[in-house]
C-alpha atoms as a PDB file:
ATOM      1  CA  MET A   1       4.058  36.403  85.132  1.00  0.00           C
ATOM      2  CA  ILE A   2       3.727  40.028  84.077  1.00  0.00           C
ATOM      3  CA  CYS A   3       5.791  41.790  81.414  1.00  0.00           C
ATOM      4  CA  PHE A   4       5.776  45.273  79.909  1.00  0.00           C
ATOM      5  CA  SER A   5       5.658  45.113  76.118  1.00  0.00           C
ATOM      6  CA  ASN A   6       7.256  48.342  74.931  1.00  0.00           C
ATOM      7  CA  ALA A   7       6.925  50.371  71.744  1.00  0.00           C
ATOM      8  CA  LYS A   8       9.612  51.431  69.252  1.00  0.00           C
ATOM      9  CA  ILE A   9      10.317  54.398  67.042  1.00  0.00           C
ATOM     10  CA  ASN A  10      11.925  54.431  63.608  1.00  0.00           C
ATOM     11  CA  ILE A  11      14.879  56.774  63.268  1.00  0.00           C
ATOM     12  CA  GLY A  12      15.007  57.135  59.519  1.00  0.00           C
ATOM     13  CA  LEU A  13      13.033  54.810  57.265  1.00  0.00           C
ATOM     14  CA  HIS A  14      14.066  54.215  53.656  1.00  0.00           C
ATOM     15  CA  VAL A  15      12.034  52.095  51.253  1.00  0.00           C
ATOM     16  CA  THR A  16      14.725  50.551  49.066  1.00  0.00           C
ATOM     17  CA  GLY A  17      12.820  48.260  46.694  1.00  0.00           C
ATOM     18  CA  LYS A  18       9.857  46.050  45.885  1.00  0.00           C
ATOM     19  CA  ARG A  19      10.285  42.322  46.540  1.00  0.00           C
ATOM     20  CA  GLU A  20       9.053  39.401  44.461  1.00  0.00           C
ATOM     21  CA  ASP A  21       6.920  38.247  47.408  1.00  0.00           C
ATOM     22  CA  GLY A  22       4.943  41.500  47.306  1.00  0.00           C
ATOM     23  CA  TYR A  23       6.631  43.072  50.334  1.00  0.00           C
ATOM     24  CA  HIS A  24       9.114  45.942  50.254  1.00  0.00           C
ATOM     25  CA  ASN A  25      12.720  46.101  51.385  1.00  0.00           C
ATOM     26  CA  ILE A  26      13.516  48.803  53.907  1.00  0.00           C
ATOM     27  CA  GLU A  27      16.357  50.148  55.969  1.00  0.00           C
ATOM     28  CA  THR A  28      15.732  51.798  59.321  1.00  0.00           C
ATOM     29  CA  LEU A  29      16.938  52.116  62.885  1.00  0.00           C
ATOM     30  CA  PHE A  30      14.603  50.632  65.466  1.00  0.00           C
ATOM     31  CA  TYR A  31      14.914  52.268  68.891  1.00  0.00           C
ATOM     32  CA  PRO A  32      12.944  51.013  71.934  1.00  0.00           C
ATOM     33  CA  VAL A  33      10.940  53.470  74.048  1.00  0.00           C
ATOM     34  CA  GLY A  34       9.294  53.159  77.440  1.00  0.00           C
ATOM     35  CA  LEU A  35       5.662  53.437  76.315  1.00  0.00           C
ATOM     36  CA  ALA A  36       4.347  49.929  76.967  1.00  0.00           C
ATOM     37  CA  ASP A  37       1.392  47.553  77.011  1.00  0.00           C
ATOM     38  CA  ILE A  38       1.001  45.167  79.956  1.00  0.00           C
ATOM     39  CA  ILE A  39       0.810  41.411  79.453  1.00  0.00           C
ATOM     40  CA  GLU A  40       0.024  38.849  82.140  1.00  0.00           C
ATOM     41  CA  ILE A  41       0.533  35.151  81.328  1.00  0.00           C
ATOM     42  CA  LEU A  42      -0.663  32.438  83.679  1.00  0.00           C
ATOM     43  CA  PRO A  43      -0.373  28.639  83.298  1.00  0.00           C
ATOM     44  CA  MET A  44      -3.732  26.840  83.448  1.00  0.00           C
ATOM     45  CA  GLY A  45      -2.673  23.193  83.333  1.00  0.00           C
ATOM     46  CA  ARG A  46      -1.497  20.763  80.684  1.00  0.00           C
ATOM     47  CA  LYS A  47      -4.976  19.858  79.427  1.00  0.00           C
ATOM     48  CA  ALA A  48      -6.530  23.310  79.623  1.00  0.00           C
ATOM     49  CA  GLU A  49      -7.241  25.393  76.520  1.00  0.00           C
ATOM     50  CA  HIS A  50      -5.675  28.776  75.989  1.00  0.00           C
ATOM     51  CA  ALA A  51      -7.633  31.854  77.063  1.00  0.00           C
ATOM     52  CA  PHE A  52      -7.169  35.430  75.869  1.00  0.00           C
ATOM     53  CA  VAL A  53      -8.483  38.661  77.394  1.00  0.00           C
ATOM     54  CA  CYS A  54      -7.830  42.160  76.061  1.00  0.00           C
ATOM     55  CA  THR A  55      -8.560  45.413  77.895  1.00  0.00           C
ATOM     56  CA  GLY A  56      -7.591  49.045  77.408  1.00  0.00           C
ATOM     57  CA  ASP A  57      -7.416  50.246  73.799  1.00  0.00           C
ATOM     58  CA  LEU A  58      -9.404  47.317  72.449  1.00  0.00           C
ATOM     59  CA  ILE A  59      -8.243  45.502  69.323  1.00  0.00           C
ATOM     60  CA  ASP A  60     -10.834  44.904  66.626  1.00  0.00           C
ATOM     61  CA  VAL A  61      -9.734  41.360  65.763  1.00  0.00           C
ATOM     62  CA  GLU A  62     -10.831  37.912  66.889  1.00  0.00           C
ATOM     63  CA  PRO A  63      -8.666  36.484  69.717  1.00  0.00           C
ATOM     64  CA  HIS A  64      -7.313  33.666  67.540  1.00  0.00           C
ATOM     65  CA  ASP A  65      -6.118  36.268  64.996  1.00  0.00           C
ATOM     66  CA  ASN A  66      -4.272  38.372  67.570  1.00  0.00           C
ATOM     67  CA  LEU A  67      -0.488  38.341  67.155  1.00  0.00           C
ATOM     68  CA  CYS A  68      -0.154  37.094  70.737  1.00  0.00           C
ATOM     69  CA  PHE A  69      -2.010  33.915  69.761  1.00  0.00           C
ATOM     70  CA  LEU A  70      -0.064  33.564  66.516  1.00  0.00           C
ATOM     71  CA  ALA A  71       3.184  33.805  68.474  1.00  0.00           C
ATOM     72  CA  LEU A  72       1.913  31.196  70.914  1.00  0.00           C
ATOM     73  CA  GLY A  73       1.130  28.907  67.990  1.00  0.00           C
ATOM     74  CA  GLU A  74       4.717  29.211  66.746  1.00  0.00           C
ATOM     75  CA  LEU A  75       6.014  28.405  70.220  1.00  0.00           C
ATOM     76  CA  GLN A  76       3.872  25.290  70.442  1.00  0.00           C
ATOM     77  CA  LYS A  77       5.569  23.872  67.360  1.00  0.00           C
ATOM     78  CA  ILE A  78       8.761  23.395  69.356  1.00  0.00           C
ATOM     79  CA  ILE A  79       7.782  23.286  73.067  1.00  0.00           C
ATOM     80  CA  SER A  80       4.833  22.009  75.086  1.00  0.00           C
ATOM     81  CA  THR A  81       3.176  25.007  76.684  1.00  0.00           C
ATOM     82  CA  GLY A  82       0.030  23.521  78.224  1.00  0.00           C
ATOM     83  CA  GLY A  83      -2.924  25.870  78.566  1.00  0.00           C
ATOM     84  CA  LEU A  84      -2.074  29.537  79.086  1.00  0.00           C
ATOM     85  CA  ARG A  85      -4.207  32.530  80.004  1.00  0.00           C
ATOM     86  CA  ILE A  86      -3.034  35.762  78.354  1.00  0.00           C
ATOM     87  CA  HIS A  87      -4.355  39.111  79.562  1.00  0.00           C
ATOM     88  CA  LEU A  88      -3.237  41.942  77.282  1.00  0.00           C
ATOM     89  CA  HIS A  89      -3.867  45.504  78.456  1.00  0.00           C
ATOM     90  CA  LYS A  90      -3.356  47.853  75.508  1.00  0.00           C
ATOM     91  CA  VAL A  91      -1.799  51.269  76.063  1.00  0.00           C
ATOM     92  CA  ILE A  92       0.244  51.710  72.869  1.00  0.00           C
ATOM     93  CA  PRO A  93      -2.025  53.226  70.184  1.00  0.00           C
ATOM     94  CA  GLN A  94      -2.806  50.876  67.307  1.00  0.00           C
ATOM     95  CA  GLY A  95      -2.059  51.794  63.712  1.00  0.00           C
ATOM     96  CA  ALA A  96       0.401  54.444  64.865  1.00  0.00           C
ATOM     97  CA  GLY A  97       3.734  53.102  63.608  1.00  0.00           C
ATOM     98  CA  LEU A  98       4.872  52.247  67.139  1.00  0.00           C
ATOM     99  CA  GLY A  99       5.006  48.460  66.738  1.00  0.00           C
ATOM    100  CA  GLY A 100       2.616  47.590  69.544  1.00  0.00           C
ATOM    101  CA  GLY A 101       1.265  44.361  68.035  1.00  0.00           C
ATOM    102  CA  SER A 102       4.726  43.159  67.027  1.00  0.00           C
ATOM    103  CA  SER A 103       5.996  43.893  70.525  1.00  0.00           C
ATOM    104  CA  ASN A 104       3.117  41.945  72.065  1.00  0.00           C
ATOM    105  CA  ALA A 105       3.937  38.871  69.991  1.00  0.00           C
ATOM    106  CA  ALA A 106       7.650  39.011  70.820  1.00  0.00           C
ATOM    107  CA  PHE A 107       7.020  39.486  74.523  1.00  0.00           C
ATOM    108  CA  VAL A 108       4.671  36.502  74.609  1.00  0.00           C
ATOM    109  CA  ILE A 109       7.522  34.414  73.193  1.00  0.00           C
ATOM    110  CA  ARG A 110      10.044  35.868  75.642  1.00  0.00           C
ATOM    111  CA  THR A 111       7.785  35.558  78.676  1.00  0.00           C
ATOM    112  CA  VAL A 112       6.563  32.017  77.964  1.00  0.00           C
ATOM    113  CA  ASN A 113      10.186  30.978  77.424  1.00  0.00           C
ATOM    114  CA  GLU A 114      11.053  32.376  80.856  1.00  0.00           C
ATOM    115  CA  LEU A 115       7.865  31.141  82.568  1.00  0.00           C
ATOM    116  CA  LEU A 116       8.299  27.566  81.376  1.00  0.00           C
ATOM    117  CA  LYS A 117      12.107  27.628  81.597  1.00  0.00           C
ATOM    118  CA  ALA A 118      12.220  26.413  77.987  1.00  0.00           C
ATOM    119  CA  GLY A 119      15.805  27.576  77.491  1.00  0.00           C
ATOM    120  CA  LEU A 120      15.383  29.101  74.023  1.00  0.00           C
ATOM    121  CA  SER A 121      18.172  31.426  72.948  1.00  0.00           C
ATOM    122  CA  GLU A 122      17.588  34.946  71.607  1.00  0.00           C
ATOM    123  CA  SER A 123      18.283  33.769  68.063  1.00  0.00           C
ATOM    124  CA  GLU A 124      15.833  30.868  68.422  1.00  0.00           C
ATOM    125  CA  MET A 125      13.159  33.199  69.750  1.00  0.00           C
ATOM    126  CA  ALA A 126      13.878  35.724  66.990  1.00  0.00           C
ATOM    127  CA  SER A 127      13.384  32.986  64.384  1.00  0.00           C
ATOM    128  CA  LEU A 128       9.968  32.183  65.868  1.00  0.00           C
ATOM    129  CA  ALA A 129       9.095  35.880  66.014  1.00  0.00           C
ATOM    130  CA  ALA A 130      10.006  36.362  62.335  1.00  0.00           C
ATOM    131  CA  ARG A 131       7.317  33.881  61.382  1.00  0.00           C
ATOM    132  CA  THR A 132       4.784  35.983  63.281  1.00  0.00           C
ATOM    133  CA  GLY A 133       5.556  39.407  61.812  1.00  0.00           C
ATOM    134  CA  SER A 134       8.295  41.438  60.133  1.00  0.00           C
ATOM    135  CA  ASP A 135       9.063  43.739  63.074  1.00  0.00           C
ATOM    136  CA  CYS A 136       8.677  41.071  65.763  1.00  0.00           C
ATOM    137  CA  PRO A 137      12.322  39.856  65.921  1.00  0.00           C
ATOM    138  CA  PHE A 138      13.511  43.320  66.944  1.00  0.00           C
ATOM    139  CA  PHE A 139      11.540  43.130  70.179  1.00  0.00           C
ATOM    140  CA  ILE A 140      13.238  39.870  71.137  1.00  0.00           C
ATOM    141  CA  TYR A 141      16.537  41.765  71.316  1.00  0.00           C
ATOM    142  CA  ASN A 142      14.869  45.065  72.297  1.00  0.00           C
ATOM    143  CA  ARG A 143      17.916  47.270  71.869  1.00  0.00           C
ATOM    144  CA  PRO A 144      18.851  49.799  69.148  1.00  0.00           C
ATOM    145  CA  MET A 145      19.281  47.906  65.883  1.00  0.00           C
ATOM    146  CA  TYR A 146      19.574  48.596  62.201  1.00  0.00           C
ATOM    147  CA  ALA A 147      16.970  46.663  60.230  1.00  0.00           C
ATOM    148  CA  GLU A 148      16.884  45.681  56.580  1.00  0.00           C
ATOM    149  CA  GLY A 149      14.861  43.309  54.394  1.00  0.00           C
ATOM    150  CA  ARG A 150      11.260  43.387  55.611  1.00  0.00           C
ATOM    151  CA  GLY A 151      12.604  44.559  58.975  1.00  0.00           C
ATOM    152  CA  GLU A 152      13.708  41.116  60.127  1.00  0.00           C
ATOM    153  CA  ILE A 153      17.429  41.380  59.181  1.00  0.00           C
ATOM    154  CA  LEU A 154      18.942  42.996  62.250  1.00  0.00           C
ATOM    155  CA  GLU A 155      22.331  44.324  63.253  1.00  0.00           C
ATOM    156  CA  HIS A 156      23.413  46.014  66.490  1.00  0.00           C
ATOM    157  CA  ALA A 157      23.540  49.821  66.209  1.00  0.00           C
ATOM    158  CA  GLY A 158      25.915  51.882  68.314  1.00  0.00           C
ATOM    159  CA  ILE A 159      23.420  54.708  68.786  1.00  0.00           C
ATOM    160  CA  ASP A 160      22.922  55.640  72.448  1.00  0.00           C
ATOM    161  CA  LEU A 161      20.233  58.196  73.317  1.00  0.00           C
ATOM    162  CA  ALA A 162      20.285  57.548  77.069  1.00  0.00           C
ATOM    163  CA  GLY A 163      19.292  60.693  78.956  1.00  0.00           C
ATOM    164  CA  TYR A 164      17.441  62.395  76.102  1.00  0.00           C
ATOM    165  CA  SER A 165      13.716  63.044  76.516  1.00  0.00           C
ATOM    166  CA  ILE A 166      11.099  61.950  73.989  1.00  0.00           C
ATOM    167  CA  ILE A 167       7.541  63.059  73.366  1.00  0.00           C
ATOM    168  CA  ILE A 168       5.242  60.920  71.223  1.00  0.00           C
ATOM    169  CA  VAL A 169       2.040  62.411  69.815  1.00  0.00           C
ATOM    170  CA  PHE A 170      -0.649  60.306  68.134  1.00  0.00           C
ATOM    171  CA  PRO A 171      -3.433  62.285  66.426  1.00  0.00           C
ATOM    172  CA  GLY A 172      -5.781  59.291  66.253  1.00  0.00           C
ATOM    173  CA  ILE A 173      -5.291  58.605  62.544  1.00  0.00           C
ATOM    174  CA  ARG A 174      -4.713  54.914  61.804  1.00  0.00           C
ATOM    175  CA  VAL A 175      -2.761  54.785  58.560  1.00  0.00           C
ATOM    176  CA  ASN A 176      -3.251  51.767  56.313  1.00  0.00           C
ATOM    177  CA  THR A 177       0.240  50.369  55.743  1.00  0.00           C
ATOM    178  CA  ALA A 178      -0.474  48.985  52.267  1.00  0.00           C
ATOM    179  CA  TRP A 179      -1.848  52.371  51.189  1.00  0.00           C
ATOM    180  CA  ALA A 180       1.223  54.130  52.596  1.00  0.00           C
ATOM    181  CA  TYR A 181       3.585  51.862  50.659  1.00  0.00           C
ATOM    182  CA  SER A 182       1.617  52.537  47.467  1.00  0.00           C
ATOM    183  CA  LYS A 183       2.356  56.266  47.846  1.00  0.00           C
ATOM    184  CA  VAL A 184       6.119  55.989  48.358  1.00  0.00           C
ATOM    185  CA  GLY A 185       8.472  56.428  45.435  1.00  0.00           C
ATOM    186  CA  LEU A 186      11.919  54.855  45.417  1.00  0.00           C
ATOM    187  CA  ILE A 187      14.831  57.264  45.863  1.00  0.00           C
ATOM    188  CA  LYS A 188      18.025  56.073  44.192  1.00  0.00           C
ATOM    189  CA  GLY A 189      21.633  57.008  44.802  1.00  0.00           C
ATOM    190  CA  ARG A 190      21.482  57.999  48.466  1.00  0.00           C
ATOM    191  CA  SER A 191      23.886  56.761  51.126  1.00  0.00           C
ATOM    192  CA  PRO A 192      22.840  53.891  53.409  1.00  0.00           C
ATOM    193  CA  LEU A 193      21.246  55.044  56.635  1.00  0.00           C
ATOM    194  CA  ARG A 194      24.029  53.644  58.827  1.00  0.00           C
ATOM    195  CA  GLU A 195      26.575  55.821  56.988  1.00  0.00           C
ATOM    196  CA  VAL A 196      24.781  59.097  57.683  1.00  0.00           C
ATOM    197  CA  LEU A 197      23.191  58.464  61.092  1.00  0.00           C
ATOM    198  CA  GLY A 198      25.603  59.924  63.641  1.00  0.00           C
ATOM    199  CA  PRO A 199      25.312  59.980  67.444  1.00  0.00           C
ATOM    200  CA  ASP A 200      24.013  63.570  67.778  1.00  0.00           C
ATOM    201  CA  PRO A 201      20.234  64.025  67.164  1.00  0.00           C
ATOM    202  CA  SER A 202      20.692  67.733  66.510  1.00  0.00           C
ATOM    203  CA  GLN A 203      22.532  66.788  63.280  1.00  0.00           C
ATOM    204  CA  TRP A 204      19.833  64.493  61.920  1.00  0.00           C
ATOM    205  CA  ASP A 205      17.260  66.936  60.561  1.00  0.00           C
ATOM    206  CA  LYS A 206      18.826  67.505  57.119  1.00  0.00           C
ATOM    207  CA  ARG A 207      20.294  64.002  56.809  1.00  0.00           C
ATOM    208  CA  ILE A 208      17.716  61.510  58.106  1.00  0.00           C
ATOM    209  CA  ALA A 209      14.260  61.028  56.555  1.00  0.00           C
ATOM    210  CA  ASN A 210      11.234  58.777  56.810  1.00  0.00           C
ATOM    211  CA  ASP A 211      10.091  58.098  53.247  1.00  0.00           C
ATOM    212  CA  PHE A 212       6.473  57.758  54.384  1.00  0.00           C
ATOM    213  CA  GLU A 213       6.316  61.139  56.056  1.00  0.00           C
ATOM    214  CA  GLY A 214       5.844  63.233  52.914  1.00  0.00           C
ATOM    215  CA  PRO A 215       2.938  61.368  51.309  1.00  0.00           C
ATOM    216  CA  VAL A 216       1.216  60.588  54.624  1.00  0.00           C
ATOM    217  CA  SER A 217       1.523  64.208  55.777  1.00  0.00           C
ATOM    218  CA  GLN A 218       0.103  65.355  52.450  1.00  0.00           C
ATOM    219  CA  ALA A 219      -2.984  63.226  53.069  1.00  0.00           C
ATOM    220  CA  TYR A 220      -3.161  64.164  56.769  1.00  0.00           C
ATOM    221  CA  PRO A 221      -1.734  67.689  57.266  1.00  0.00           C
ATOM    222  CA  ILE A 222      -2.082  67.451  61.053  1.00  0.00           C
ATOM    223  CA  ILE A 223       1.034  65.248  61.046  1.00  0.00           C
ATOM    224  CA  GLY A 224       3.081  68.116  59.642  1.00  0.00           C
ATOM    225  CA  ASP A 225       1.462  70.477  62.171  1.00  0.00           C
ATOM    226  CA  ILE A 226       2.534  68.225  65.059  1.00  0.00           C
ATOM    227  CA  LYS A 227       6.078  68.001  63.770  1.00  0.00           C
ATOM    228  CA  HIS A 228       6.212  71.801  63.354  1.00  0.00           C
ATOM    229  CA  LYS A 229       5.058  72.312  66.972  1.00  0.00           C
ATOM    230  CA  LEU A 230       7.620  69.839  68.301  1.00  0.00           C
ATOM    231  CA  ASN A 231      10.409  71.582  66.389  1.00  0.00           C
ATOM    232  CA  ASN A 232       9.251  74.995  67.608  1.00  0.00           C
ATOM    233  CA  ALA A 233       9.220  73.658  71.176  1.00  0.00           C
ATOM    234  CA  GLY A 234      12.906  72.833  70.899  1.00  0.00           C
ATOM    235  CA  ALA A 235      13.073  69.295  69.578  1.00  0.00           C
ATOM    236  CA  LEU A 236      16.551  68.336  68.440  1.00  0.00           C
ATOM    237  CA  TYR A 237      14.904  66.023  65.911  1.00  0.00           C
ATOM    238  CA  ALA A 238      11.270  65.287  65.088  1.00  0.00           C
ATOM    239  CA  SER A 239       9.831  62.684  62.725  1.00  0.00           C
ATOM    240  CA  MET A 240       6.870  60.486  61.984  1.00  0.00           C
ATOM    241  CA  THR A 241       7.528  56.888  63.012  1.00  0.00           C
ATOM    242  CA  GLY A 242       6.838  53.873  60.788  1.00  0.00           C
ATOM    243  CA  SER A 243       4.103  54.484  58.260  1.00  0.00           C
ATOM    244  CA  GLY A 244       2.406  56.794  60.806  1.00  0.00           C
ATOM    245  CA  SER A 245       0.665  58.514  62.145  1.00  0.00           C
ATOM    246  CA  ALA A 246       2.478  58.977  65.470  1.00  0.00           C
ATOM    247  CA  VAL A 247       5.123  61.709  65.540  1.00  0.00           C
ATOM    248  CA  TYR A 248       7.948  61.942  68.059  1.00  0.00           C
ATOM    249  CA  GLY A 249      10.327  64.666  69.139  1.00  0.00           C
ATOM    250  CA  ILE A 250      13.688  64.082  70.815  1.00  0.00           C
ATOM    251  CA  PHE A 251      14.631  66.775  73.338  1.00  0.00           C
ATOM    252  CA  PRO A 252      17.527  67.482  75.711  1.00  0.00           C
ATOM    253  CA  GLY A 253      17.073  65.616  78.972  1.00  0.00           C
ATOM    254  CA  ASN A 254      16.284  68.813  80.892  1.00  0.00           C
ATOM    255  CA  ALA A 255      13.393  69.831  78.605  1.00  0.00           C
ATOM    256  CA  ASN A 256      10.107  70.839  80.256  1.00  0.00           C
ATOM    257  CA  THR A 257       8.069  68.115  78.562  1.00  0.00           C
ATOM    258  CA  GLY A 258       4.996  68.801  80.694  1.00  0.00           C
ATOM    259  CA  LYS A 259       4.631  72.284  79.244  1.00  0.00           C
ATOM    260  CA  ILE A 260       5.219  70.989  75.714  1.00  0.00           C
ATOM    261  CA  LYS A 261       2.554  68.291  76.100  1.00  0.00           C
ATOM    262  CA  ASP A 262      -0.053  70.990  76.776  1.00  0.00           C
ATOM    263  CA  GLU A 263       0.227  71.964  73.083  1.00  0.00           C
ATOM    264  CA  PHE A 264      -1.506  68.754  72.026  1.00  0.00           C
ATOM    265  CA  LYS A 265      -4.963  68.777  73.558  1.00  0.00           C
ATOM    266  CA  ASP A 266      -7.352  65.918  72.673  1.00  0.00           C
ATOM    267  CA  MET A 267      -4.499  63.752  71.338  1.00  0.00           C
ATOM    268  CA  PHE A 268      -2.674  60.793  72.813  1.00  0.00           C
ATOM    269  CA  VAL A 269       0.605  62.134  74.195  1.00  0.00           C
ATOM    270  CA  TRP A 270       3.346  60.231  76.012  1.00  0.00           C
ATOM    271  CA  SER A 271       6.723  61.412  77.261  1.00  0.00           C
ATOM    272  CA  GLY A 272       9.660  59.807  78.974  1.00  0.00           C
ATOM    273  CA  LEU A 273      13.422  59.411  79.045  1.00  0.00           C
ATOM    274  CA  LEU A 274      15.226  57.260  76.515  1.00  0.00           C
ATOM    275  CA  ASP A 275      17.483  54.463  77.749  1.00  0.00           C
END
């Protein structure tokens, strides 16, 4: 069985506090986008061992440490999977703030559930995904959602960007998440994201912010340059996603994205329509 494990963007990202467990609380809007890795999962028999193959943008981790394998381990605690062969073809850039690894883990859970007809509900799968990684539960639902806590507390968001175009630019800088959190100061007294995030992207620029964007852009000025070019090209809203370093621009659906993409030579660039 083959699935397409898509990326996400963060529309607004507030760091709201430090937790006793060492993590940080956040609030953000996760929005799925069409940029996707490809995962093939094949059953190999009840007594066979699992096998893992990765191609494309290769991941510099041992197979047993890959989030796909960790997700499979969580699944095996509640269902009998037998031996499975997982072939992951990476397209989503790593360390970009696009959630590729989290998506992979969630889609392994979703696909194995479907392949083996295990009958797990979305909430059951989301619970398994939460034990794999903070952003993983979102990709079980895979629709626009507000997120709080470490990113695992989710609530449906009535934001619909269907028909808008998006361009994602990744300059090749892989930002260390722990370092990024160490550079963010807490901003007190502002309104919750859900109270200020309206349905029109052209109204977001002065109201919606990613707390990581300032310090990360200061360390890597090219991020600010990319955002400036996207805005000059007519983006209704442009922002860094996650802790970086990918930057996206949201455009009207009739935008000439091919011409805009030519601005970003020697960088990873993807464009598509939002659903």
